[in-house]
Amino acid sequence: MSQPTNPSHELNMLVTIYVQGLPVAMCVAERASREALRICLSAWTLYPHAIDEVELTRETAEGLERHRLPVRVDRVVDNRAQAVFQDASPRALQALDALLEERAMGTRAAAPQADTA
């Protein structure tokens, strides 16, 4: 069985949701890949299909980096939405890749500790 080219990773981080350039809600991004983000919508997200940008914040040695990625919501089920990235800048995609790699490494490092309990 072949693996997907861009597997999704557990993320569980706050993201800012934008509609027409305005921040409308803070939500939790549960899973992410290079193509899409699964978001647990907050009560403030009244029109999930109107979401057009998601802002990720990443802590680096130089401080906080904020990256807004254009998205299109293609599926909403209950309070979960799948947002597919649309024409994101190379810098934002680089930050997303780094964030996913950091989370993947953190998950791998935590796994052996869980087995020792």
PDB file of N, CA and C in Angstrom:
ATOM      1  N   MET A   1       0.856  -1.180   0.000  1.00  0.00           N
ATOM      2  CA  MET A   1       0.000   0.000   0.000  1.00  0.00           C
ATOM      3  C   MET A   1       0.896   1.236   0.000  1.00  0.00           C
ATOM      4  N   SER A   2       0.634   2.149  -0.872  1.00  0.00           N
ATOM      5  CA  SER A   2       1.459   3.355  -0.959  1.00  0.00           C
ATOM      6  C   SER A   2       0.959   4.415   0.010  1.00  0.00           C
ATOM      7  N   GLN A   3       1.892   5.211   0.505  1.00  0.00           N
ATOM      8  CA  GLN A   3       1.547   6.290   1.413  1.00  0.00           C
ATOM      9  C   GLN A   3       1.229   7.545   0.623  1.00  0.00           C
ATOM     10  N   PRO A   4       0.353   8.415   1.163  1.00  0.00           N
ATOM     11  CA  PRO A   4       0.088   9.681   0.485  1.00  0.00           C
ATOM     12  C   PRO A   4       1.359  10.520   0.434  1.00  0.00           C
ATOM     13  N   THR A   5       1.453  11.350  -0.594  1.00  0.00           N
ATOM     14  CA  THR A   5       2.655  12.169  -0.750  1.00  0.00           C
ATOM     15  C   THR A   5       2.783  13.205   0.356  1.00  0.00           C
ATOM     16  N   ASN A   6       1.685  13.686   0.864  1.00  0.00           N
ATOM     17  CA  ASN A   6       1.705  14.671   1.945  1.00  0.00           C
ATOM     18  C   ASN A   6       0.761  14.216   3.048  1.00  0.00           C
ATOM     19  N   PRO A   7       1.228  13.319   3.925  1.00  0.00           N
ATOM     20  CA  PRO A   7       0.341  12.816   4.970  1.00  0.00           C
ATOM     21  C   PRO A   7      -0.057  13.925   5.934  1.00  0.00           C
ATOM     22  N   SER A   8      -1.215  13.743   6.561  1.00  0.00           N
ATOM     23  CA  SER A   8      -1.645  14.750   7.530  1.00  0.00           C
ATOM     24  C   SER A   8      -1.068  14.402   8.898  1.00  0.00           C
ATOM     25  N   HIS A   9      -0.921  15.428   9.713  1.00  0.00           N
ATOM     26  CA  HIS A   9      -0.337  15.283  11.044  1.00  0.00           C
ATOM     27  C   HIS A   9      -1.271  15.912  12.066  1.00  0.00           C
ATOM     28  N   GLU A  10      -1.274  15.336  13.279  1.00  0.00           N
ATOM     29  CA  GLU A  10      -1.981  15.970  14.386  1.00  0.00           C
ATOM     30  C   GLU A  10      -1.351  17.338  14.617  1.00  0.00           C
ATOM     31  N   LEU A  11      -2.173  18.336  14.864  1.00  0.00           N
ATOM     32  CA  LEU A  11      -1.632  19.678  15.024  1.00  0.00           C
ATOM     33  C   LEU A  11      -2.066  20.305  16.348  1.00  0.00           C
ATOM     34  N   ASN A  12      -3.369  20.387  16.593  1.00  0.00           N
ATOM     35  CA  ASN A  12      -3.926  20.971  17.809  1.00  0.00           C
ATOM     36  C   ASN A  12      -3.290  22.308  18.179  1.00  0.00           C
ATOM     37  N   MET A  13      -3.525  23.286  17.330  1.00  0.00           N
ATOM     38  CA  MET A  13      -3.026  24.636  17.601  1.00  0.00           C
ATOM     39  C   MET A  13      -4.084  25.668  17.229  1.00  0.00           C
ATOM     40  N   LEU A  14      -4.035  26.799  17.906  1.00  0.00           N
ATOM     41  CA  LEU A  14      -4.974  27.875  17.602  1.00  0.00           C
ATOM     42  C   LEU A  14      -4.636  28.511  16.264  1.00  0.00           C
ATOM     43  N   VAL A  15      -5.673  28.804  15.500  1.00  0.00           N
ATOM     44  CA  VAL A  15      -5.526  29.525  14.243  1.00  0.00           C
ATOM     45  C   VAL A  15      -6.562  30.642  14.225  1.00  0.00           C
ATOM     46  N   THR A  16      -6.250  31.699  13.510  1.00  0.00           N
ATOM     47  CA  THR A  16      -7.193  32.801  13.343  1.00  0.00           C
ATOM     48  C   THR A  16      -7.885  32.624  12.005  1.00  0.00           C
ATOM     49  N   ILE A  17      -9.199  32.744  12.016  1.00  0.00           N
ATOM     50  CA  ILE A  17     -10.026  32.579  10.826  1.00  0.00           C
ATOM     51  C   ILE A  17     -10.369  33.964  10.277  1.00  0.00           C
ATOM     52  N   TYR A  18     -10.205  34.135   8.977  1.00  0.00           N
ATOM     53  CA  TYR A  18     -10.501  35.409   8.311  1.00  0.00           C
ATOM     54  C   TYR A  18     -11.607  35.218   7.276  1.00  0.00           C
ATOM     55  N   VAL A  19     -12.472  36.216   7.197  1.00  0.00           N
ATOM     56  CA  VAL A  19     -13.496  36.287   6.158  1.00  0.00           C
ATOM     57  C   VAL A  19     -13.393  37.679   5.544  1.00  0.00           C
ATOM     58  N   GLN A  20     -13.163  37.738   4.259  1.00  0.00           N
ATOM     59  CA  GLN A  20     -13.005  38.992   3.523  1.00  0.00           C
ATOM     60  C   GLN A  20     -11.988  39.922   4.187  1.00  0.00           C
ATOM     61  N   GLY A  21     -10.873  39.354   4.615  1.00  0.00           N
ATOM     62  CA  GLY A  21      -9.790  40.135   5.188  1.00  0.00           C
ATOM     63  C   GLY A  21      -9.938  40.504   6.650  1.00  0.00           C
ATOM     64  N   LEU A  22     -11.055  40.146   7.272  1.00  0.00           N
ATOM     65  CA  LEU A  22     -11.288  40.491   8.674  1.00  0.00           C
ATOM     66  C   LEU A  22     -11.191  39.253   9.558  1.00  0.00           C
ATOM     67  N   PRO A  23     -10.490  39.352  10.697  1.00  0.00           N
ATOM     68  CA  PRO A  23     -10.454  38.214  11.617  1.00  0.00           C
ATOM     69  C   PRO A  23     -11.817  38.051  12.281  1.00  0.00           C
ATOM     70  N   VAL A  24     -12.366  36.841  12.234  1.00  0.00           N
ATOM     71  CA  VAL A  24     -13.705  36.631  12.782  1.00  0.00           C
ATOM     72  C   VAL A  24     -13.736  35.636  13.931  1.00  0.00           C
ATOM     73  N   ALA A  25     -12.733  34.765  14.039  1.00  0.00           N
ATOM     74  CA  ALA A  25     -12.780  33.750  15.094  1.00  0.00           C
ATOM     75  C   ALA A  25     -11.415  33.130  15.315  1.00  0.00           C
ATOM     76  N   MET A  26     -11.244  32.604  16.511  1.00  0.00           N
ATOM     77  CA  MET A  26     -10.105  31.737  16.820  1.00  0.00           C
ATOM     78  C   MET A  26     -10.663  30.323  16.860  1.00  0.00           C
ATOM     79  N   CYS A  27      -9.980  29.422  16.191  1.00  0.00           N
ATOM     80  CA  CYS A  27     -10.405  28.030  16.154  1.00  0.00           C
ATOM     81  C   CYS A  27      -9.191  27.143  16.395  1.00  0.00           C
ATOM     82  N   VAL A  28      -9.436  25.851  16.527  1.00  0.00           N
ATOM     83  CA  VAL A  28      -8.347  24.897  16.716  1.00  0.00           C
ATOM     84  C   VAL A  28      -8.160  24.097  15.438  1.00  0.00           C
ATOM     85  N   ALA A  29      -6.948  24.140  14.912  1.00  0.00           N
ATOM     86  CA  ALA A  29      -6.592  23.284  13.776  1.00  0.00           C
ATOM     87  C   ALA A  29      -6.197  21.937  14.364  1.00  0.00           C
ATOM     88  N   GLU A  30      -6.931  20.890  13.995  1.00  0.00           N
ATOM     89  CA  GLU A  30      -6.696  19.568  14.573  1.00  0.00           C
ATOM     90  C   GLU A  30      -5.688  18.746  13.779  1.00  0.00           C
ATOM     91  N   ARG A  31      -5.783  18.812  12.468  1.00  0.00           N
ATOM     92  CA  ARG A  31      -4.885  18.060  11.589  1.00  0.00           C
ATOM     93  C   ARG A  31      -4.483  18.971  10.443  1.00  0.00           C
ATOM     94  N   ALA A  32      -3.308  18.700   9.890  1.00  0.00           N
ATOM     95  CA  ALA A  32      -2.849  19.503   8.758  1.00  0.00           C
ATOM     96  C   ALA A  32      -1.960  18.673   7.856  1.00  0.00           C
ATOM     97  N   SER A  33      -2.008  19.020   6.592  1.00  0.00           N
ATOM     98  CA  SER A  33      -1.072  18.497   5.603  1.00  0.00           C
ATOM     99  C   SER A  33      -0.661  19.697   4.759  1.00  0.00           C
ATOM    100  N   ARG A  34       0.123  19.452   3.742  1.00  0.00           N
ATOM    101  CA  ARG A  34       0.537  20.567   2.880  1.00  0.00           C
ATOM    102  C   ARG A  34      -0.634  21.042   2.005  1.00  0.00           C
ATOM    103  N   GLU A  35      -1.682  20.232   1.892  1.00  0.00           N
ATOM    104  CA  GLU A  35      -2.823  20.589   1.049  1.00  0.00           C
ATOM    105  C   GLU A  35      -4.010  21.160   1.809  1.00  0.00           C
ATOM    106  N   ALA A  36      -4.193  20.739   3.071  1.00  0.00           N
ATOM    107  CA  ALA A  36      -5.431  21.096   3.760  1.00  0.00           C
ATOM    108  C   ALA A  36      -5.241  21.135   5.270  1.00  0.00           C
ATOM    109  N   LEU A  37      -6.266  21.679   5.915  1.00  0.00           N
ATOM    110  CA  LEU A  37      -6.291  21.845   7.357  1.00  0.00           C
ATOM    111  C   LEU A  37      -7.672  21.424   7.840  1.00  0.00           C
ATOM    112  N   ARG A  38      -7.735  20.585   8.887  1.00  0.00           N
ATOM    113  CA  ARG A  38      -9.031  20.270   9.491  1.00  0.00           C
ATOM    114  C   ARG A  38      -9.172  21.137  10.729  1.00  0.00           C
ATOM    115  N   ILE A  39     -10.251  21.911  10.762  1.00  0.00           N
ATOM    116  CA  ILE A  39     -10.456  22.911  11.803  1.00  0.00           C
ATOM    117  C   ILE A  39     -11.683  22.552  12.626  1.00  0.00           C
ATOM    118  N   CYS A  40     -11.536  22.622  13.945  1.00  0.00           N
ATOM    119  CA  CYS A  40     -12.674  22.516  14.850  1.00  0.00           C
ATOM    120  C   CYS A  40     -13.206  23.937  15.007  1.00  0.00           C
ATOM    121  N   LEU A  41     -14.390  24.173  14.494  1.00  0.00           N
ATOM    122  CA  LEU A  41     -14.940  25.529  14.441  1.00  0.00           C
ATOM    123  C   LEU A  41     -15.453  25.980  15.801  1.00  0.00           C
ATOM    124  N   SER A  42     -15.216  27.232  16.126  1.00  0.00           N
ATOM    125  CA  SER A  42     -15.746  27.804  17.359  1.00  0.00           C
ATOM    126  C   SER A  42     -17.162  28.320  17.093  1.00  0.00           C
ATOM    127  N   ALA A  43     -17.843  28.667  18.164  1.00  0.00           N
ATOM    128  CA  ALA A  43     -19.214  29.172  18.032  1.00  0.00           C
ATOM    129  C   ALA A  43     -19.270  30.488  17.262  1.00  0.00           C
ATOM    130  N   TRP A  44     -18.149  31.202  17.177  1.00  0.00           N
ATOM    131  CA  TRP A  44     -18.112  32.483  16.473  1.00  0.00           C
ATOM    132  C   TRP A  44     -18.029  32.323  14.962  1.00  0.00           C
ATOM    133  N   THR A  45     -17.796  31.127  14.502  1.00  0.00           N
ATOM    134  CA  THR A  45     -17.683  30.891  13.063  1.00  0.00           C
ATOM    135  C   THR A  45     -19.078  30.597  12.517  1.00  0.00           C
ATOM    136  N   LEU A  46     -19.816  31.644  12.219  1.00  0.00           N
ATOM    137  CA  LEU A  46     -21.212  31.493  11.816  1.00  0.00           C
ATOM    138  C   LEU A  46     -21.374  30.979  10.393  1.00  0.00           C
ATOM    139  N   TYR A  47     -20.503  31.369   9.489  1.00  0.00           N
ATOM    140  CA  TYR A  47     -20.608  30.989   8.080  1.00  0.00           C
ATOM    141  C   TYR A  47     -19.306  30.321   7.644  1.00  0.00           C
ATOM    142  N   PRO A  48     -19.133  29.043   7.969  1.00  0.00           N
ATOM    143  CA  PRO A  48     -17.846  28.392   7.700  1.00  0.00           C
ATOM    144  C   PRO A  48     -17.438  28.386   6.229  1.00  0.00           C
ATOM    145  N   HIS A  49     -18.401  28.345   5.321  1.00  0.00           N
ATOM    146  CA  HIS A  49     -18.044  28.338   3.899  1.00  0.00           C
ATOM    147  C   HIS A  49     -17.530  29.698   3.422  1.00  0.00           C
ATOM    148  N   ALA A  50     -17.687  30.735   4.247  1.00  0.00           N
ATOM    149  CA  ALA A  50     -17.182  32.064   3.884  1.00  0.00           C
ATOM    150  C   ALA A  50     -15.717  32.260   4.282  1.00  0.00           C
ATOM    151  N   ILE A  51     -15.147  31.317   5.028  1.00  0.00           N
ATOM    152  CA  ILE A  51     -13.740  31.429   5.441  1.00  0.00           C
ATOM    153  C   ILE A  51     -12.872  31.489   4.194  1.00  0.00           C
ATOM    154  N   ASP A  52     -11.994  32.502   4.128  1.00  0.00           N
ATOM    155  CA  ASP A  52     -11.124  32.587   2.951  1.00  0.00           C
ATOM    156  C   ASP A  52      -9.635  32.664   3.294  1.00  0.00           C
ATOM    157  N   GLU A  53      -9.306  32.803   4.594  1.00  0.00           N
ATOM    158  CA  GLU A  53      -7.904  32.775   5.009  1.00  0.00           C
ATOM    159  C   GLU A  53      -7.798  32.189   6.410  1.00  0.00           C
ATOM    160  N   VAL A  54      -6.660  31.553   6.667  1.00  0.00           N
ATOM    161  CA  VAL A  54      -6.343  31.028   7.989  1.00  0.00           C
ATOM    162  C   VAL A  54      -4.948  31.524   8.340  1.00  0.00           C
ATOM    163  N   GLU A  55      -4.791  32.022   9.557  1.00  0.00           N
ATOM    164  CA  GLU A  55      -3.474  32.497   9.992  1.00  0.00           C
ATOM    165  C   GLU A  55      -2.886  31.522  11.010  1.00  0.00           C
ATOM    166  N   LEU A  56      -1.673  31.060  10.708  1.00  0.00           N
ATOM    167  CA  LEU A  56      -0.924  30.191  11.609  1.00  0.00           C
ATOM    168  C   LEU A  56       0.149  31.023  12.291  1.00  0.00           C
ATOM    169  N   THR A  57       0.423  30.735  13.544  1.00  0.00           N
ATOM    170  CA  THR A  57       1.490  31.413  14.269  1.00  0.00           C
ATOM    171  C   THR A  57       2.516  30.374  14.681  1.00  0.00           C
ATOM    172  N   ARG A  58       3.770  30.672  14.390  1.00  0.00           N
ATOM    173  CA  ARG A  58       4.859  29.742  14.684  1.00  0.00           C
ATOM    174  C   ARG A  58       5.932  30.476  15.464  1.00  0.00           C
ATOM    175  N   GLU A  59       6.401  29.849  16.545  1.00  0.00           N
ATOM    176  CA  GLU A  59       7.468  30.452  17.344  1.00  0.00           C
ATOM    177  C   GLU A  59       8.819  29.992  16.810  1.00  0.00           C
ATOM    178  N   THR A  60       9.694  30.962  16.547  1.00  0.00           N
ATOM    179  CA  THR A  60      11.044  30.671  16.064  1.00  0.00           C
ATOM    180  C   THR A  60      12.051  31.335  16.998  1.00  0.00           C
ATOM    181  N   ALA A  61      13.322  31.133  16.728  1.00  0.00           N
ATOM    182  CA  ALA A  61      14.373  31.767  17.529  1.00  0.00           C
ATOM    183  C   ALA A  61      14.305  33.288  17.427  1.00  0.00           C
ATOM    184  N   GLU A  62      13.818  33.797  16.291  1.00  0.00           N
ATOM    185  CA  GLU A  62      13.712  35.244  16.083  1.00  0.00           C
ATOM    186  C   GLU A  62      12.435  35.837  16.670  1.00  0.00           C
ATOM    187  N   GLY A  63      11.523  35.015  17.137  1.00  0.00           N
ATOM    188  CA  GLY A  63      10.247  35.490  17.667  1.00  0.00           C
ATOM    189  C   GLY A  63       9.085  34.814  16.962  1.00  0.00           C
ATOM    190  N   LEU A  64       7.908  35.408  17.076  1.00  0.00           N
ATOM    191  CA  LEU A  64       6.714  34.831  16.461  1.00  0.00           C
ATOM    192  C   LEU A  64       6.641  35.174  14.980  1.00  0.00           C
ATOM    193  N   GLU A  65       6.271  34.186  14.193  1.00  0.00           N
ATOM    194  CA  GLU A  65       6.002  34.383  12.761  1.00  0.00           C
ATOM    195  C   GLU A  65       4.522  34.123  12.540  1.00  0.00           C
ATOM    196  N   ARG A  66       3.876  34.997  11.831  1.00  0.00           N
ATOM    197  CA  ARG A  66       2.463  34.805  11.485  1.00  0.00           C
ATOM    198  C   ARG A  66       2.363  34.663   9.977  1.00  0.00           C
ATOM    199  N   HIS A  67       1.615  33.660   9.558  1.00  0.00           N
ATOM    200  CA  HIS A  67       1.462  33.397   8.125  1.00  0.00           C
ATOM    201  C   HIS A  67      -0.013  33.196   7.813  1.00  0.00           C
ATOM    202  N   ARG A  68      -0.520  34.012   6.881  1.00  0.00           N
ATOM    203  CA  ARG A  68      -1.904  33.869   6.427  1.00  0.00           C
ATOM    204  C   ARG A  68      -1.904  33.085   5.132  1.00  0.00           C
ATOM    205  N   LEU A  69      -2.714  32.037   5.121  1.00  0.00           N
ATOM    206  CA  LEU A  69      -2.815  31.179   3.948  1.00  0.00           C
ATOM    207  C   LEU A  69      -4.233  31.255   3.391  1.00  0.00           C
ATOM    208  N   PRO A  70      -4.382  31.556   2.106  1.00  0.00           N
ATOM    209  CA  PRO A  70      -5.708  31.552   1.489  1.00  0.00           C
ATOM    210  C   PRO A  70      -6.250  30.122   1.462  1.00  0.00           C
ATOM    211  N   VAL A  71      -7.531  29.977   1.768  1.00  0.00           N
ATOM    212  CA  VAL A  71      -8.156  28.654   1.791  1.00  0.00           C
ATOM    213  C   VAL A  71      -9.526  28.687   1.128  1.00  0.00           C
ATOM    214  N   ARG A  72      -9.998  27.490   0.810  1.00  0.00           N
ATOM    215  CA  ARG A  72     -11.378  27.281   0.357  1.00  0.00           C
ATOM    216  C   ARG A  72     -11.922  26.140   1.197  1.00  0.00           C
ATOM    217  N   VAL A  73     -13.023  26.370   1.880  1.00  0.00           N
ATOM    218  CA  VAL A  73     -13.634  25.321   2.694  1.00  0.00           C
ATOM    219  C   VAL A  73     -14.427  24.421   1.763  1.00  0.00           C
ATOM    220  N   ASP A  74     -14.038  23.149   1.709  1.00  0.00           N
ATOM    221  CA  ASP A  74     -14.735  22.247   0.796  1.00  0.00           C
ATOM    222  C   ASP A  74     -15.656  21.270   1.509  1.00  0.00           C
ATOM    223  N   ARG A  75     -15.564  21.205   2.845  1.00  0.00           N
ATOM    224  CA  ARG A  75     -16.447  20.282   3.555  1.00  0.00           C
ATOM    225  C   ARG A  75     -16.656  20.777   4.977  1.00  0.00           C
ATOM    226  N   VAL A  76     -17.916  20.734   5.434  1.00  0.00           N
ATOM    227  CA  VAL A  76     -18.249  21.068   6.817  1.00  0.00           C
ATOM    228  C   VAL A  76     -19.163  19.971   7.340  1.00  0.00           C
ATOM    229  N   VAL A  77     -18.761  19.360   8.456  1.00  0.00           N
ATOM    230  CA  VAL A  77     -19.577  18.340   9.111  1.00  0.00           C
ATOM    231  C   VAL A  77     -19.600  18.681  10.593  1.00  0.00           C
ATOM    232  N   ASP A  78     -20.803  18.887  11.120  1.00  0.00           N
ATOM    233  CA  ASP A  78     -20.974  19.317  12.506  1.00  0.00           C
ATOM    234  C   ASP A  78     -20.133  20.576  12.749  1.00  0.00           C
ATOM    235  N   ASN A  79     -19.200  20.522  13.683  1.00  0.00           N
ATOM    236  CA  ASN A  79     -18.376  21.712  13.941  1.00  0.00           C
ATOM    237  C   ASN A  79     -16.952  21.540  13.407  1.00  0.00           C
ATOM    238  N   ARG A  80     -16.791  20.726  12.379  1.00  0.00           N
ATOM    239  CA  ARG A  80     -15.485  20.507  11.748  1.00  0.00           C
ATOM    240  C   ARG A  80     -15.539  20.982  10.299  1.00  0.00           C
ATOM    241  N   ALA A  81     -14.464  21.623   9.867  1.00  0.00           N
ATOM    242  CA  ALA A  81     -14.371  22.080   8.475  1.00  0.00           C
ATOM    243  C   ALA A  81     -13.035  21.648   7.904  1.00  0.00           C
ATOM    244  N   GLN A  82     -13.047  21.295   6.633  1.00  0.00           N
ATOM    245  CA  GLN A  82     -11.792  21.037   5.929  1.00  0.00           C
ATOM    246  C   GLN A  82     -11.530  22.213   5.015  1.00  0.00           C
ATOM    247  N   ALA A  83     -10.401  22.875   5.252  1.00  0.00           N
ATOM    248  CA  ALA A  83     -10.006  24.038   4.459  1.00  0.00           C
ATOM    249  C   ALA A  83      -8.825  23.644   3.580  1.00  0.00           C
ATOM    250  N   VAL A  84      -9.000  23.779   2.278  1.00  0.00           N
ATOM    251  CA  VAL A  84      -7.959  23.432   1.313  1.00  0.00           C
ATOM    252  C   VAL A  84      -7.185  24.698   0.974  1.00  0.00           C
ATOM    253  N   PHE A  85      -5.858  24.618   1.032  1.00  0.00           N
ATOM    254  CA  PHE A  85      -5.023  25.784   0.743  1.00  0.00           C
ATOM    255  C   PHE A  85      -5.111  26.158  -0.732  1.00  0.00           C
ATOM    256  N   GLN A  86      -5.169  27.469  -0.998  1.00  0.00           N
ATOM    257  CA  GLN A  86      -5.278  28.009  -2.353  1.00  0.00           C
ATOM    258  C   GLN A  86      -4.165  29.025  -2.587  1.00  0.00           C
ATOM    259  N   ASP A  87      -3.276  28.768  -3.492  1.00  0.00           N
ATOM    260  CA  ASP A  87      -2.245  29.740  -3.889  1.00  0.00           C
ATOM    261  C   ASP A  87      -1.515  30.378  -2.705  1.00  0.00           C
ATOM    262  N   ALA A  88      -1.062  29.565  -1.779  1.00  0.00           N
ATOM    263  CA  ALA A  88      -0.305  30.088  -0.639  1.00  0.00           C
ATOM    264  C   ALA A  88       1.087  30.503  -1.101  1.00  0.00           C
ATOM    265  N   SER A  89       1.634  31.498  -0.450  1.00  0.00           N
ATOM    266  CA  SER A  89       2.976  31.972  -0.809  1.00  0.00           C
ATOM    267  C   SER A  89       4.011  30.905  -0.450  1.00  0.00           C
ATOM    268  N   PRO A  90       5.127  30.874  -1.173  1.00  0.00           N
ATOM    269  CA  PRO A  90       6.179  29.901  -0.855  1.00  0.00           C
ATOM    270  C   PRO A  90       6.671  30.029   0.593  1.00  0.00           C
ATOM    271  N   ARG A  91       6.758  31.255   1.089  1.00  0.00           N
ATOM    272  CA  ARG A  91       7.210  31.466   2.473  1.00  0.00           C
ATOM    273  C   ARG A  91       6.219  30.871   3.478  1.00  0.00           C
ATOM    274  N   ALA A  92       4.920  31.038   3.225  1.00  0.00           N
ATOM    275  CA  ALA A  92       3.905  30.476   4.117  1.00  0.00           C
ATOM    276  C   ALA A  92       3.932  28.953   4.065  1.00  0.00           C
ATOM    277  N   LEU A  93       4.115  28.382   2.873  1.00  0.00           N
ATOM    278  CA  LEU A  93       4.201  26.925   2.755  1.00  0.00           C
ATOM    279  C   LEU A  93       5.450  26.389   3.443  1.00  0.00           C
ATOM    280  N   GLN A  94       6.540  27.129   3.366  1.00  0.00           N
ATOM    281  CA  GLN A  94       7.767  26.739   4.066  1.00  0.00           C
ATOM    282  C   GLN A  94       7.533  26.720   5.574  1.00  0.00           C
ATOM    283  N   ALA A  95       6.848  27.726   6.080  1.00  0.00           N
ATOM    284  CA  ALA A  95       6.544  27.787   7.510  1.00  0.00           C
ATOM    285  C   ALA A  95       5.626  26.640   7.910  1.00  0.00           C
ATOM    286  N   LEU A  96       4.645  26.322   7.065  1.00  0.00           N
ATOM    287  CA  LEU A  96       3.748  25.203   7.338  1.00  0.00           C
ATOM    288  C   LEU A  96       4.531  23.897   7.369  1.00  0.00           C
ATOM    289  N   ASP A  97       5.415  23.691   6.402  1.00  0.00           N
ATOM    290  CA  ASP A  97       6.250  22.486   6.377  1.00  0.00           C
ATOM    291  C   ASP A  97       7.080  22.374   7.659  1.00  0.00           C
ATOM    292  N   ALA A  98       7.687  23.482   8.073  1.00  0.00           N
ATOM    293  CA  ALA A  98       8.510  23.479   9.287  1.00  0.00           C
ATOM    294  C   ALA A  98       7.660  23.168  10.514  1.00  0.00           C
ATOM    295  N   LEU A  99       6.467  23.743  10.570  1.00  0.00           N
ATOM    296  CA  LEU A  99       5.563  23.504  11.685  1.00  0.00           C
ATOM    297  C   LEU A  99       5.156  22.038  11.741  1.00  0.00           C
ATOM    298  N   LEU A 100       4.806  21.464  10.596  1.00  0.00           N
ATOM    299  CA  LEU A 100       4.419  20.053  10.553  1.00  0.00           C
ATOM    300  C   LEU A 100       5.588  19.152  10.942  1.00  0.00           C
ATOM    301  N   GLU A 101       6.779  19.490  10.489  1.00  0.00           N
ATOM    302  CA  GLU A 101       7.968  18.699  10.839  1.00  0.00           C
ATOM    303  C   GLU A 101       8.248  18.778  12.339  1.00  0.00           C
ATOM    304  N   GLU A 102       8.118  19.988  12.910  1.00  0.00           N
ATOM    305  CA  GLU A 102       8.322  20.150  14.354  1.00  0.00           C
ATOM    306  C   GLU A 102       7.325  19.312  15.132  1.00  0.00           C
ATOM    307  N   ARG A 103       6.069  19.331  14.707  1.00  0.00           N
ATOM    308  CA  ARG A 103       5.035  18.551  15.397  1.00  0.00           C
ATOM    309  C   ARG A 103       5.290  17.060  15.245  1.00  0.00           C
ATOM    310  N   ALA A 104       5.696  16.625  14.060  1.00  0.00           N
ATOM    311  CA  ALA A 104       5.978  15.205  13.827  1.00  0.00           C
ATOM    312  C   ALA A 104       7.150  14.747  14.690  1.00  0.00           C
ATOM    313  N   MET A 105       8.194  15.561  14.779  1.00  0.00           N
ATOM    314  CA  MET A 105       9.347  15.210  15.609  1.00  0.00           C
ATOM    315  C   MET A 105       8.961  15.190  17.081  1.00  0.00           C
ATOM    316  N   GLY A 106       8.127  16.111  17.510  1.00  0.00           N
ATOM    317  CA  GLY A 106       7.669  16.143  18.896  1.00  0.00           C
ATOM    318  C   GLY A 106       6.836  14.928  19.238  1.00  0.00           C
ATOM    319  N   THR A 107       6.010  14.475  18.303  1.00  0.00           N
ATOM    320  CA  THR A 107       5.187  13.289  18.510  1.00  0.00           C
ATOM    321  C   THR A 107       6.066  12.052  18.609  1.00  0.00           C
ATOM    322  N   ARG A 108       7.054  11.955  17.724  1.00  0.00           N
ATOM    323  CA  ARG A 108       7.962  10.802  17.753  1.00  0.00           C
ATOM    324  C   ARG A 108       8.777  10.783  19.036  1.00  0.00           C
ATOM    325  N   ALA A 109       9.206  11.938  19.512  1.00  0.00           N
ATOM    326  CA  ALA A 109      10.004  12.006  20.733  1.00  0.00           C
ATOM    327  C   ALA A 109       9.169  11.656  21.961  1.00  0.00           C
ATOM    328  N   ALA A 110       7.884  11.997  21.948  1.00  0.00           N
ATOM    329  CA  ALA A 110       7.013  11.728  23.088  1.00  0.00           C
ATOM    330  C   ALA A 110       6.557  10.276  23.133  1.00  0.00           C
ATOM    331  N   ALA A 111       6.534   9.581  22.016  1.00  0.00           N
ATOM    332  CA  ALA A 111       6.027   8.209  21.961  1.00  0.00           C
ATOM    333  C   ALA A 111       6.787   7.255  22.875  1.00  0.00           C
ATOM    334  N   PRO A 112       8.119   7.220  22.896  1.00  0.00           N
ATOM    335  CA  PRO A 112       8.812   6.296  23.793  1.00  0.00           C
ATOM    336  C   PRO A 112       8.523   6.582  25.262  1.00  0.00           C
ATOM    337  N   GLN A 113       8.337   7.832  25.633  1.00  0.00           N
ATOM    338  CA  GLN A 113       8.039   8.172  27.014  1.00  0.00           C
ATOM    339  C   GLN A 113       6.693   7.611  27.428  1.00  0.00           C
ATOM    340  N   ALA A 114       5.738   7.599  26.517  1.00  0.00           N
ATOM    341  CA  ALA A 114       4.411   7.083  26.830  1.00  0.00           C
ATOM    342  C   ALA A 114       4.468   5.584  27.093  1.00  0.00           C
ATOM    343  N   ASP A 115       5.360   4.865  26.432  1.00  0.00           N
ATOM    344  CA  ASP A 115       5.457   3.424  26.606  1.00  0.00           C
ATOM    345  C   ASP A 115       6.080   3.037  27.942  1.00  0.00           C
ATOM    346  N   THR A 116       6.835   3.927  28.560  1.00  0.00           N
ATOM    347  CA  THR A 116       7.522   3.593  29.802  1.00  0.00           C
ATOM    348  C   THR A 116       6.629   3.715  31.024  1.00  0.00           C
ATOM    349  N   ALA A 117       5.476   4.306  30.888  1.00  0.00           N
ATOM    350  CA  ALA A 117       4.597   4.524  32.042  1.00  0.00           C
ATOM    351  C   ALA A 117       3.927   3.261  32.506  1.00  0.00           C
TER     352      ALA A 117
END
